[in-house]
Amino acid sequence: MILISVLLPGWNLRPGGDQRLSSSMLDLSSPQTHMQHFDSLTSVHSSTSSTRFGSIESSLDSITLSGDERELGKVCVQLSYQETLEQVWITLVQCSELNLPPDGSEQQKIGFKGIITVPKPIQFKSSIKEFCQDVSFMETFVFALRLQQLRCSALVLRLQTHTNKKRTVAECVLSLRQLGAQETEHWLDLSPRSKSSVCHAELNLTTCFQPVNGRIQLQVLAAQNLPASSTPLTQAFFVKVEMHQLGRVVMKKKTRVMKASKGQCRWAETFHFLLAALEHDCSLSVKLYSRSSVRRKQCLGQILLGFDSPVPEAGEQWKDMMAHPEKVVSVWHGLSPL
């Protein structure tokens, strides 16, 4: 059963049916904070690290991570889960600093399409608003779903223009991995929608720089929010890793092929990559593949780990690893297009 509720501005529904004003859900006076969550293992520092790697650590501060320079704006969303009722509450609060290209119409109108990426995706739509740089929505959507299922999925928000023709101009993705009873507020950056087909799966990767052995250790722990098969064919998943150094692929590794259970796979496989030349930067390309029962495979997306990674989280993981030898750094990553 799915319960959908859209609340008018300034009103909220509370468990038990009582209607009253709620400042916790709809108060816009709270600070606008960006909340990011990374899961890290305990750091272990080796006393045998060689001083010849000091130049690597000293040069890290000068590295600039690059990304998409087109800033389309941000959207604020609040999340909470009512465990007694098994309901997820999603409040679309407002947009800020919207920067959309003109389409020739006198007045653009915008709205959001939301998707919860459970095996049978749940979709919802906001009301339509007149476009301006700062738009208030204050709409709450309530769905009856199990918490365990939600924590293996994501919330996708697609910004759509409604003029002569409806089209999606930007989107953002928020993992529901840490959804709980505590209400959280998230400011999400809107990005141009990718033209290629990328699923919203996540990979849990750990890295560790081992200078004594001159190698990088990578662990492929798990994947979640995996797409369901659109055909009767049985679908399984595997991860392929390539190490790039000196402009070429120097090593390749691959996990075993595994069937998903409730949208998840757990490998916990460890790979070691020897550094051919310490004075040259290297990077790791991690790709997630699906494979059908007729051995047809498809790349679902990738993660680029390295100083020049276009994704800030991947670049920060690499930077943290190289700056602290023997430290195990664990991060959940969303996939990027090829």
Protein backbone atom coordinates (compact mmCIF):
# COMPACT_ATOMS: atom_id res chain seq x y z
CA MET A 1 0.00 0.00 0.00
CA ILE A 2 1.26 3.46 -0.89
CA LEU A 3 -0.06 6.54 0.86
CA ILE A 4 0.52 9.86 -0.86
CA SER A 5 -0.14 13.14 0.90
CA VAL A 6 0.56 16.63 -0.37
CA LEU A 7 0.44 19.25 2.36
CA LEU A 8 -0.44 22.88 1.89
CA PRO A 9 2.15 25.51 2.95
CA GLY A 10 2.36 25.88 6.71
CA TRP A 11 0.51 22.65 7.53
CA ASN A 12 1.74 19.18 8.40
CA LEU A 13 0.17 15.84 9.17
CA ARG A 14 1.14 14.17 12.40
CA PRO A 15 0.76 10.49 13.27
CA GLY A 16 -2.67 9.98 14.76
CA GLY A 17 -4.55 12.21 12.32
CA ASP A 18 -4.20 15.50 14.19
CA GLN A 19 -3.56 18.53 11.97
CA ARG A 20 -1.51 21.37 13.42
CA LEU A 21 1.20 23.82 12.50
CA SER A 22 4.64 22.25 12.37
CA SER A 23 7.82 24.31 12.55
CA SER A 24 10.12 21.29 12.28
CA MET A 25 8.97 20.39 8.79
CA LEU A 26 8.20 23.74 7.27
CA ASP A 27 10.39 26.32 9.02
CA LEU A 28 12.65 28.07 6.52
CA SER A 29 14.52 30.06 9.12
CA SER A 30 16.94 27.26 9.93
CA PRO A 31 20.48 27.58 8.47
CA GLN A 32 20.93 26.26 4.97
CA THR A 33 23.51 23.57 5.41
CA HIS A 34 24.96 21.09 3.00
CA MET A 35 24.95 17.61 4.52
CA GLN A 36 27.22 14.96 3.15
CA HIS A 37 27.84 11.56 4.66
CA PHE A 38 30.84 9.34 4.17
CA ASP A 39 31.42 6.01 5.89
CA SER A 40 35.05 5.54 6.89
CA LEU A 41 36.83 2.71 8.59
CA THR A 42 39.22 3.25 11.49
CA SER A 43 42.51 4.78 10.34
CA VAL A 44 45.65 2.77 10.95
CA HIS A 45 48.99 4.53 10.53
CA SER A 46 52.14 2.53 9.83
CA SER A 47 55.35 3.41 11.62
CA THR A 48 57.35 1.99 8.74
CA SER A 49 56.25 4.51 6.09
CA SER A 50 59.21 5.72 4.08
CA THR A 51 60.15 9.40 4.04
CA ARG A 52 60.59 9.26 0.27
CA PHE A 53 56.82 9.68 -0.04
CA GLY A 54 56.87 13.02 1.77
CA SER A 55 56.90 14.88 -1.51
CA ILE A 56 53.53 13.30 -2.40
CA GLU A 57 51.91 14.58 0.79
CA SER A 58 53.45 18.04 0.55
CA SER A 59 52.14 18.60 -2.96
CA LEU A 60 48.52 17.63 -2.23
CA ASP A 61 47.35 21.09 -1.14
CA SER A 62 47.99 22.53 -4.60
CA ILE A 63 45.62 20.09 -6.33
CA THR A 64 42.34 21.51 -7.60
CA LEU A 65 39.43 19.19 -8.29
CA SER A 66 37.51 19.96 -11.44
CA GLY A 67 33.80 19.46 -12.08
CA ASP A 68 30.88 20.63 -14.13
CA GLU A 69 31.17 24.41 -14.20
CA ARG A 70 27.54 24.97 -15.12
CA GLU A 71 25.76 25.89 -11.92
CA LEU A 72 22.01 25.40 -12.35
CA GLY A 73 21.03 26.01 -8.74
CA LYS A 74 20.17 24.03 -5.63
CA VAL A 75 17.10 22.35 -4.20
CA CYS A 76 16.33 21.83 -0.51
CA VAL A 77 14.63 18.63 0.62
CA GLN A 78 13.81 17.30 4.11
CA LEU A 79 13.56 13.60 4.92
CA SER A 80 12.37 11.55 7.87
CA TYR A 81 10.99 8.07 8.55
CA GLN A 82 8.13 7.21 10.91
CA GLU A 83 9.05 3.69 12.04
CA THR A 84 5.75 2.97 13.84
CA LEU A 85 3.77 3.73 10.68
CA GLU A 86 6.47 2.55 8.23
CA GLN A 87 6.19 5.82 6.33
CA VAL A 88 8.84 7.95 4.63
CA TRP A 89 8.17 11.71 4.66
CA ILE A 90 9.69 13.77 1.84
CA THR A 91 9.31 17.55 1.96
CA LEU A 92 10.28 19.54 -1.10
CA VAL A 93 11.15 22.87 0.50
CA GLN A 94 12.53 25.32 -2.05
CA CYS A 95 14.93 26.03 -4.91
CA SER A 96 17.68 28.61 -4.71
CA GLU A 97 19.85 30.37 -7.29
CA LEU A 98 18.14 28.72 -10.24
CA ASN A 99 19.91 29.43 -13.52
CA LEU A 100 18.06 27.93 -16.47
CA PRO A 101 18.68 28.74 -20.15
CA PRO A 102 15.83 30.74 -21.75
CA ASP A 103 13.54 28.82 -24.10
CA GLY A 104 11.94 31.79 -25.88
CA SER A 105 8.74 31.87 -23.86
CA GLU A 106 7.66 34.96 -21.95
CA GLN A 107 7.39 33.21 -18.60
CA GLN A 108 8.78 29.77 -17.85
CA LYS A 109 7.04 27.42 -15.46
CA ILE A 110 8.83 24.71 -13.53
CA GLY A 111 8.02 21.66 -11.45
CA PHE A 112 9.71 18.59 -10.03
CA LYS A 113 9.23 14.93 -10.81
CA GLY A 114 10.39 12.70 -7.95
CA ILE A 115 11.37 9.04 -8.17
CA ILE A 116 12.11 6.62 -5.34
CA THR A 117 14.24 3.92 -6.99
CA VAL A 118 12.83 0.84 -5.27
CA PRO A 119 12.49 -2.29 -7.49
CA LYS A 120 9.09 -0.98 -8.60
CA PRO A 121 9.92 2.76 -8.79
CA ILE A 122 7.53 5.16 -7.12
CA GLN A 123 6.93 8.48 -8.85
CA PHE A 124 5.39 11.73 -7.65
CA LYS A 125 5.08 15.31 -8.94
CA SER A 126 5.17 18.71 -7.35
CA SER A 127 2.87 21.60 -8.23
CA ILE A 128 3.80 23.90 -11.14
CA LYS A 129 5.43 27.22 -10.22
CA GLU A 130 6.38 30.39 -12.06
CA PHE A 131 10.12 30.38 -12.67
CA CYS A 132 12.35 32.70 -10.70
CA GLN A 133 15.76 32.33 -9.09
CA ASP A 134 14.30 31.41 -5.69
CA VAL A 135 11.11 29.32 -5.67
CA SER A 136 9.27 28.03 -2.60
CA PHE A 137 7.39 24.72 -2.82
CA MET A 138 6.73 23.54 0.77
CA GLU A 139 5.06 20.28 -0.29
CA THR A 140 5.24 17.01 1.63
CA PHE A 141 4.82 13.54 0.15
CA VAL A 142 4.26 10.47 2.33
CA PHE A 143 4.76 6.86 1.21
CA ALA A 144 4.27 3.60 3.11
CA LEU A 145 7.48 1.66 2.48
CA ARG A 146 9.77 -0.49 4.59
CA LEU A 147 12.91 1.16 5.90
CA GLN A 148 15.21 -1.68 4.83
CA GLN A 149 13.98 -1.35 1.26
CA LEU A 150 14.38 2.43 1.27
CA ARG A 151 17.95 2.29 2.57
CA CYS A 152 18.92 0.35 -0.55
CA SER A 153 17.43 2.97 -2.87
CA ALA A 154 17.77 6.65 -3.78
CA LEU A 155 15.62 9.73 -4.27
CA VAL A 156 15.87 11.27 -7.74
CA LEU A 157 14.51 14.79 -8.30
CA ARG A 158 14.13 15.96 -11.90
CA LEU A 159 13.53 19.64 -12.60
CA GLN A 160 11.14 20.06 -15.53
CA THR A 161 10.09 23.11 -17.53
CA HIS A 162 6.42 23.39 -18.50
CA THR A 163 6.02 25.69 -21.48
CA ASN A 164 5.08 24.62 -24.98
CA LYS A 165 6.68 21.26 -24.30
CA LYS A 166 7.57 19.61 -21.02
CA ARG A 167 11.20 18.64 -20.72
CA THR A 168 13.71 17.70 -18.02
CA VAL A 169 16.47 20.30 -17.70
CA ALA A 170 18.31 19.16 -14.56
CA GLU A 171 18.32 16.52 -11.87
CA CYS A 172 19.88 15.54 -8.57
CA VAL A 173 20.20 12.27 -6.66
CA LEU A 174 20.18 11.65 -2.91
CA SER A 175 21.03 8.26 -1.43
CA LEU A 176 18.57 7.04 1.19
CA ARG A 177 21.21 4.83 2.80
CA GLN A 178 21.13 6.78 6.10
CA LEU A 179 17.41 7.46 6.26
CA GLY A 180 16.07 7.34 9.83
CA ALA A 181 13.65 8.81 12.35
CA GLN A 182 15.76 11.96 12.76
CA GLU A 183 14.64 14.56 10.25
CA THR A 184 17.48 15.70 8.00
CA GLU A 185 17.75 18.60 5.58
CA HIS A 186 19.76 18.39 2.37
CA TRP A 187 20.76 21.05 -0.16
CA LEU A 188 21.36 19.26 -3.46
CA ASP A 189 23.16 20.71 -6.47
CA LEU A 190 21.18 20.47 -9.70
CA SER A 191 23.17 19.08 -12.63
CA PRO A 192 22.40 18.81 -16.35
CA ARG A 193 20.73 15.50 -17.03
CA SER A 194 23.13 13.03 -18.63
CA LYS A 195 22.31 12.08 -22.22
CA SER A 196 23.64 8.57 -21.63
CA SER A 197 21.73 6.01 -19.61
CA VAL A 198 23.22 5.76 -16.11
CA CYS A 199 21.61 3.82 -13.30
CA HIS A 200 21.60 5.17 -9.76
CA ALA A 201 23.47 2.25 -8.18
CA GLU A 202 26.14 2.87 -5.55
CA LEU A 203 29.43 1.10 -4.91
CA ASN A 204 31.20 0.86 -1.55
CA LEU A 205 34.97 1.05 -2.14
CA THR A 206 37.89 1.19 0.27
CA THR A 207 41.41 2.25 -0.66
CA CYS A 208 44.72 2.05 1.17
CA PHE A 209 48.19 3.24 0.09
CA GLN A 210 50.88 0.77 1.25
CA PRO A 211 54.26 2.44 0.65
CA VAL A 212 56.29 -0.43 2.12
CA ASN A 213 55.04 -2.73 -0.65
CA GLY A 214 54.74 0.06 -3.24
CA ARG A 215 51.12 -0.74 -3.96
CA ILE A 216 47.51 0.43 -3.61
CA GLN A 217 44.94 -1.84 -2.03
CA LEU A 218 41.36 -1.60 -3.31
CA GLN A 219 38.44 -3.41 -1.75
CA VAL A 220 35.15 -3.78 -3.63
CA LEU A 221 32.79 -4.30 -0.73
CA ALA A 222 29.22 -4.02 -1.98
CA ALA A 223 26.74 -2.48 -4.40
CA GLN A 224 23.19 -1.36 -3.73
CA ASN A 225 20.25 0.24 -5.52
CA LEU A 226 20.94 -2.12 -8.42
CA PRO A 227 18.44 -1.98 -11.30
CA ALA A 228 15.90 -4.75 -11.71
CA SER A 229 15.91 -6.70 -14.94
CA SER A 230 13.49 -5.40 -17.56
CA THR A 231 13.39 -8.83 -19.25
CA PRO A 232 12.68 -12.39 -18.08
CA LEU A 233 16.42 -13.13 -18.34
CA THR A 234 18.36 -13.69 -15.13
CA GLN A 235 20.65 -10.74 -14.33
CA ALA A 236 23.90 -10.69 -12.38
CA PHE A 237 26.59 -8.08 -11.68
CA PHE A 238 30.36 -7.75 -11.52
CA VAL A 239 32.95 -4.99 -11.13
CA LYS A 240 35.95 -4.43 -13.39
CA VAL A 241 38.91 -2.32 -12.24
CA GLU A 242 41.71 -0.90 -14.39
CA MET A 243 44.82 0.87 -13.15
CA HIS A 244 46.08 3.67 -15.41
CA GLN A 245 49.63 4.97 -15.20
CA LEU A 246 51.95 6.65 -17.70
CA GLY A 247 49.02 6.97 -20.13
CA ARG A 248 48.21 3.28 -20.37
CA VAL A 249 46.42 0.46 -18.58
CA VAL A 250 49.01 -1.37 -16.49
CA MET A 251 46.77 -3.78 -14.50
CA LYS A 252 43.26 -5.22 -14.67
CA LYS A 253 41.16 -6.93 -12.01
CA LYS A 254 37.61 -8.27 -11.92
CA THR A 255 35.25 -9.48 -9.22
CA ARG A 256 33.24 -12.65 -9.46
CA VAL A 257 29.81 -12.49 -11.10
CA MET A 258 27.05 -12.35 -8.50
CA LYS A 259 23.27 -12.29 -8.53
CA ALA A 260 21.60 -9.42 -6.70
CA SER A 261 19.43 -9.98 -3.63
CA LYS A 262 16.91 -7.21 -2.88
CA GLY A 263 18.86 -4.82 -5.08
CA GLN A 264 22.20 -5.55 -3.40
CA CYS A 265 25.42 -7.46 -4.03
CA ARG A 266 28.20 -8.10 -1.51
CA TRP A 267 31.63 -9.05 -2.83
CA ALA A 268 34.17 -8.02 -0.15
CA GLU A 269 36.99 -8.74 -2.61
CA THR A 270 40.48 -7.24 -2.22
CA PHE A 271 42.83 -6.31 -5.08
CA HIS A 272 46.41 -5.01 -5.00
CA PHE A 273 47.87 -2.74 -7.68
CA LEU A 274 51.65 -2.35 -7.83
CA LEU A 275 52.88 1.14 -8.63
CA ALA A 276 55.17 0.96 -11.65
CA ALA A 277 56.65 4.43 -11.12
CA LEU A 278 56.14 6.36 -7.89
CA GLU A 279 57.01 9.70 -9.44
CA HIS A 280 54.05 9.46 -11.85
CA ASP A 281 50.39 9.79 -10.86
CA CYS A 282 48.11 6.81 -11.32
CA SER A 283 44.33 6.35 -11.24
CA LEU A 284 41.79 3.57 -10.96
CA SER A 285 38.78 3.14 -13.21
CA VAL A 286 36.03 1.13 -11.48
CA LYS A 287 33.16 0.01 -13.71
CA LEU A 288 29.97 -1.80 -12.74
CA TYR A 289 28.56 -4.28 -15.25
CA SER A 290 25.34 -6.23 -15.48
CA ARG A 291 25.26 -9.58 -17.25
CA SER A 292 22.23 -11.49 -18.44
CA SER A 293 21.82 -15.25 -18.54
CA VAL A 294 22.81 -15.23 -22.22
CA ARG A 295 26.19 -13.66 -21.22
CA ARG A 296 25.33 -10.27 -22.68
CA LYS A 297 26.99 -7.61 -20.55
CA GLN A 298 26.31 -3.89 -20.18
CA CYS A 299 28.34 -1.23 -18.39
CA LEU A 300 26.06 0.65 -15.98
CA GLY A 301 28.52 3.42 -15.10
CA GLN A 302 31.92 4.08 -13.61
CA ILE A 303 33.90 5.68 -10.78
CA LEU A 304 37.25 7.36 -11.47
CA LEU A 305 39.56 7.37 -8.45
CA GLY A 306 42.53 9.73 -8.74
CA PHE A 307 43.79 13.26 -8.24
CA ASP A 308 42.10 14.35 -11.48
CA SER A 309 38.74 12.71 -10.78
CA PRO A 310 35.81 14.85 -12.01
CA VAL A 311 33.81 13.83 -8.91
CA PRO A 312 34.85 15.62 -5.69
CA GLU A 313 34.15 12.65 -3.39
CA ALA A 314 36.35 10.33 -5.48
CA GLY A 315 39.14 12.91 -5.61
CA GLU A 316 38.95 13.49 -1.85
CA GLN A 317 39.15 9.76 -1.15
CA TRP A 318 42.29 9.48 -3.27
CA LYS A 319 43.82 12.57 -1.70
CA ASP A 320 43.11 11.29 1.82
CA MET A 321 44.58 7.90 0.98
CA MET A 322 47.83 9.29 -0.45
CA ALA A 323 48.25 11.85 2.34
CA HIS A 324 47.91 9.19 5.06
CA PRO A 325 49.77 5.95 4.17
CA GLU A 326 48.26 2.78 5.62
CA LYS A 327 44.93 4.53 6.31
CA VAL A 328 41.88 2.63 5.05
CA VAL A 329 39.43 5.08 3.46
CA SER A 330 35.89 3.86 2.75
CA VAL A 331 33.31 5.77 0.67
CA TRP A 332 30.01 5.00 -1.03
CA HIS A 333 30.10 6.27 -4.62
CA GLY A 334 27.35 6.95 -7.13
CA LEU A 335 28.05 5.99 -10.74
CA SER A 336 29.03 8.48 -13.43
CA PRO A 337 28.48 8.12 -17.19
CA LEU A 338 31.29 6.71 -19.33
